[in-house]
Protein backbone atom coordinates (compact mmCIF):
# COMPACT_ATOMS: atom_id res chain seq x y z
CA MET A 1 -42.63 28.95 -48.10
CA PHE A 2 -46.01 29.73 -47.08
CA PRO A 3 -48.56 32.42 -48.37
CA MET A 4 -48.53 35.93 -47.36
CA THR A 5 -51.85 36.39 -45.53
CA GLY A 6 -53.81 34.43 -43.23
CA GLN A 7 -56.46 34.08 -45.77
CA ASP A 8 -54.01 32.63 -48.31
CA LEU A 9 -52.53 30.30 -45.53
CA LEU A 10 -55.98 28.69 -44.66
CA ARG A 11 -56.93 28.34 -48.30
CA THR A 12 -53.56 26.77 -49.06
CA ALA A 13 -53.78 24.44 -45.83
CA ARG A 14 -57.33 23.37 -46.65
CA ALA A 15 -56.23 22.21 -50.30
CA MET A 16 -53.56 19.78 -49.01
CA SER A 17 -53.72 16.11 -48.32
CA ALA A 18 -53.58 14.96 -44.98
CA ALA A 19 -49.93 13.85 -45.70
CA GLU A 20 -49.17 17.29 -47.32
CA ALA A 21 -50.45 18.82 -44.21
CA GLU A 22 -48.69 16.39 -41.83
CA ARG A 23 -45.12 17.55 -43.38
CA ALA A 24 -46.14 21.21 -43.73
CA PHE A 25 -47.37 21.82 -39.95
CA ARG A 26 -45.44 19.02 -37.88
CA PHE A 27 -43.30 19.98 -35.19
CA VAL A 28 -39.44 20.05 -36.54
CA ASP A 29 -37.29 22.12 -34.09
CA ILE A 30 -38.02 25.24 -32.06
CA ASP A 31 -36.66 27.37 -34.48
CA SER A 32 -37.99 26.06 -37.61
CA PRO A 33 -40.75 28.36 -39.69
CA SER A 34 -43.28 25.77 -39.33
CA ASP A 35 -43.04 25.89 -35.66
CA ARG A 36 -42.42 29.66 -35.11
CA LEU A 37 -44.56 30.74 -37.94
CA SER A 38 -46.65 28.42 -40.06
CA ARG A 39 -48.51 26.25 -37.62
CA PRO A 40 -49.09 29.46 -34.92
CA ALA A 41 -50.61 31.42 -37.99
CA LEU A 42 -52.77 28.39 -38.97
CA VAL A 43 -54.20 27.88 -35.73
CA ALA A 44 -54.73 31.72 -35.35
CA CYS A 45 -56.86 31.75 -38.44
CA LEU A 46 -58.72 28.57 -37.21
CA THR A 47 -60.15 30.59 -34.18
CA SER A 48 -61.60 32.69 -36.80
CA GLU A 49 -63.53 30.16 -38.74
CA ALA A 50 -62.86 26.58 -38.30
CA THR A 51 -65.13 24.16 -39.58
CA LYS A 52 -65.67 20.25 -39.06
CA ASP A 53 -63.92 20.08 -42.51
CA ASP A 54 -60.50 21.64 -40.58
CA LEU A 55 -60.79 18.41 -37.97
CA PRO A 56 -57.88 16.75 -39.62
CA LEU A 57 -55.53 20.17 -39.78
CA LEU A 58 -56.67 20.93 -36.54
CA ARG A 59 -55.70 17.54 -35.20
CA ILE A 60 -52.18 17.95 -37.19
CA ALA A 61 -51.58 21.14 -35.39
CA THR A 62 -52.56 20.18 -31.79
CA ARG A 63 -50.28 16.85 -31.98
CA SER A 64 -47.35 19.06 -33.43
CA GLU A 65 -48.22 22.02 -31.08
CA THR A 66 -48.09 19.45 -28.18
CA GLU A 67 -44.72 18.27 -29.28
CA TRP A 68 -43.28 21.85 -29.81
CA VAL A 69 -44.57 22.61 -26.15
CA GLN A 70 -42.93 19.38 -24.54
CA HIS A 71 -39.65 20.02 -26.63
CA LYS A 72 -39.57 23.75 -25.09
CA ASN A 73 -40.60 22.50 -21.95
CA ASP A 74 -41.43 26.01 -20.93
CA GLY A 75 -45.29 27.02 -20.53
CA CYS A 76 -48.17 26.41 -22.76
CA GLY A 77 -49.02 29.22 -24.64
CA ASP A 78 -52.04 30.30 -26.65
CA THR A 79 -51.48 28.03 -29.52
CA LEU A 80 -51.92 25.02 -27.66
CA LEU A 81 -54.87 26.19 -25.54
CA ALA A 82 -56.51 27.44 -29.00
CA CYS A 83 -55.87 24.08 -30.27
CA CYS A 84 -57.43 22.38 -27.23
CA TRP A 85 -60.21 25.05 -27.16
CA LEU A 86 -61.35 24.35 -30.99
CA LEU A 87 -61.21 20.58 -30.34
CA PHE A 88 -63.18 20.90 -27.19
CA LYS A 89 -66.01 23.29 -29.24
CA PHE A 90 -66.15 20.57 -32.11
CA GLY A 91 -67.24 18.02 -29.35
CA ASP A 92 -65.69 14.59 -30.76
CA VAL A 93 -64.92 12.41 -27.96
CA GLU A 94 -62.04 10.75 -29.61
CA ASP A 95 -60.26 14.10 -29.45
CA SER A 96 -60.46 14.06 -25.48
CA VAL A 97 -57.15 11.87 -25.70
CA ALA A 98 -54.95 14.48 -27.82
CA ILE A 99 -56.44 17.33 -25.41
CA TYR A 100 -55.40 15.31 -22.50
CA GLU A 101 -52.05 14.64 -23.71
CA ALA A 102 -51.72 18.29 -24.33
CA LYS A 103 -52.91 19.27 -20.89
CA MET A 104 -50.43 16.65 -19.37
CA CYS A 105 -47.28 17.76 -21.74
CA ASN A 106 -45.90 19.74 -19.02
CA PHE A 107 -47.17 21.60 -15.47
CA ASP A 108 -48.00 24.81 -17.12
CA ALA A 109 -50.20 23.10 -19.87
CA GLY A 110 -51.55 21.09 -17.15
CA CYS A 111 -52.77 24.48 -15.09
CA TYR A 112 -53.47 26.56 -18.41
CA ILE A 113 -55.49 24.20 -20.35
CA ASP A 114 -59.16 23.86 -18.77
CA SER A 115 -60.30 20.67 -17.80
CA VAL A 116 -63.75 20.99 -19.34
CA PHE A 117 -62.15 20.74 -22.76
CA LEU A 118 -61.75 17.05 -21.70
CA VAL A 119 -65.55 16.81 -22.24
CA GLY A 120 -66.58 18.31 -25.17
CA ALA A 121 -68.66 15.42 -26.17
CA GLY A 122 -70.17 15.65 -22.80
CA LEU A 123 -68.79 13.95 -19.23
CA PRO A 124 -71.07 11.02 -19.66
CA GLU A 125 -70.06 10.46 -23.13
CA THR A 126 -66.34 11.06 -22.26
CA THR A 127 -66.39 8.81 -19.35
CA ALA A 128 -67.87 6.08 -21.10
CA PHE A 129 -65.28 6.21 -23.88
CA ALA A 130 -62.35 6.68 -21.74
CA LYS A 131 -63.35 3.49 -19.89
CA ALA A 132 -64.07 1.66 -23.15
CA ALA A 133 -60.70 2.42 -24.32
CA GLY A 134 -58.57 1.67 -21.32
CA LEU A 135 -57.74 5.45 -20.81
CA THR A 136 -57.66 4.98 -16.94
CA LYS A 137 -55.67 8.34 -16.68
CA LEU A 138 -58.47 10.36 -18.34
CA ALA A 139 -61.07 8.57 -16.96
CA GLU A 140 -59.66 9.27 -13.14
CA TRP A 141 -58.97 12.77 -14.31
CA ILE A 142 -62.51 13.54 -15.26
CA ALA A 143 -64.30 11.23 -12.51
CA PRO A 144 -64.51 13.86 -9.80
CA MET A 145 -65.64 16.78 -12.18
CA ASN A 146 -69.22 17.94 -10.92
CA PRO A 147 -71.81 17.63 -13.99
CA ASP A 148 -73.43 21.15 -13.18
CA ASP A 149 -70.01 22.83 -13.01
CA VAL A 150 -69.18 21.07 -16.38
CA GLU A 151 -72.34 22.54 -18.01
CA TYR A 152 -71.60 25.74 -16.73
CA ASP A 153 -68.02 26.10 -17.88
CA ALA A 154 -68.72 24.29 -21.06
CA ALA A 155 -71.27 27.03 -21.78
CA ASN A 156 -68.99 29.93 -21.03
CA TRP A 157 -66.24 28.49 -23.31
CA ARG A 158 -68.11 27.79 -25.98
CA ASP A 159 -69.45 31.41 -25.67
CA SER A 160 -66.02 32.68 -25.03
CA THR A 161 -64.42 35.64 -26.35
CA PHE A 162 -61.02 34.74 -25.30
CA PHE A 163 -59.68 34.77 -29.02
CA ALA A 164 -62.02 37.39 -30.34
CA ARG A 165 -59.02 40.21 -30.41
CA ARG A 166 -57.18 38.50 -33.00
CA PRO A 167 -56.11 40.12 -36.14
CA PRO A 168 -58.01 40.21 -39.39
CA LEU A 169 -57.66 36.92 -41.65
CA ASN A 170 -56.38 39.38 -44.43
CA SER A 171 -53.45 39.93 -41.99
CA SER A 172 -49.72 38.69 -42.55
CA VAL A 173 -49.07 35.01 -41.14
CA GLU A 174 -46.29 36.93 -39.25
CA ASP A 175 -48.90 39.19 -37.44
CA LEU A 176 -51.38 36.06 -37.10
CA ALA A 177 -48.38 34.02 -35.39
CA ALA A 178 -46.96 36.56 -33.03
CA TRP A 179 -50.40 37.54 -31.85
CA ILE A 180 -51.14 34.03 -30.93
CA ARG A 181 -47.65 33.30 -29.70
CA GLY A 182 -48.06 36.39 -27.66
CA GLU A 183 -45.18 38.33 -28.99
């Protein structure tokens, strides 16, 4: 299984190859340890100290958490929100696709995941990317966004304390997973 503390989990995950991380954190089943414990605990850890080097792990977690939420077909949850928030904060325009897919995976996710997360690289940059990549639905979604509102909302989310009350990294993976799952 996985290490006992969040620090151990994060250290182990960072040492994995992309293929190993994909196997370890992918969506399997609603009740699998990966889906109920390991991936949520990893995301909880990343809300504390993610770096650009963690983007591959974060992308795997985001894809898998999106699948979990789709399969569950009920709600969104803070794990998926945290994944999208972190991708937004890093501001890679290509991650707008994963954030859009997460946002559109069900009604609740569509409401819960802020649209400003789609434009972490900037509204003009994301619009140009979406149009160039033929991502019509993404381009149409962000087209009516007001640049002043985007700038204000983005600044507030980048400085957000939404995830500040997380347990410390030396907490157990069980405690970290329970915290981000709101259990």
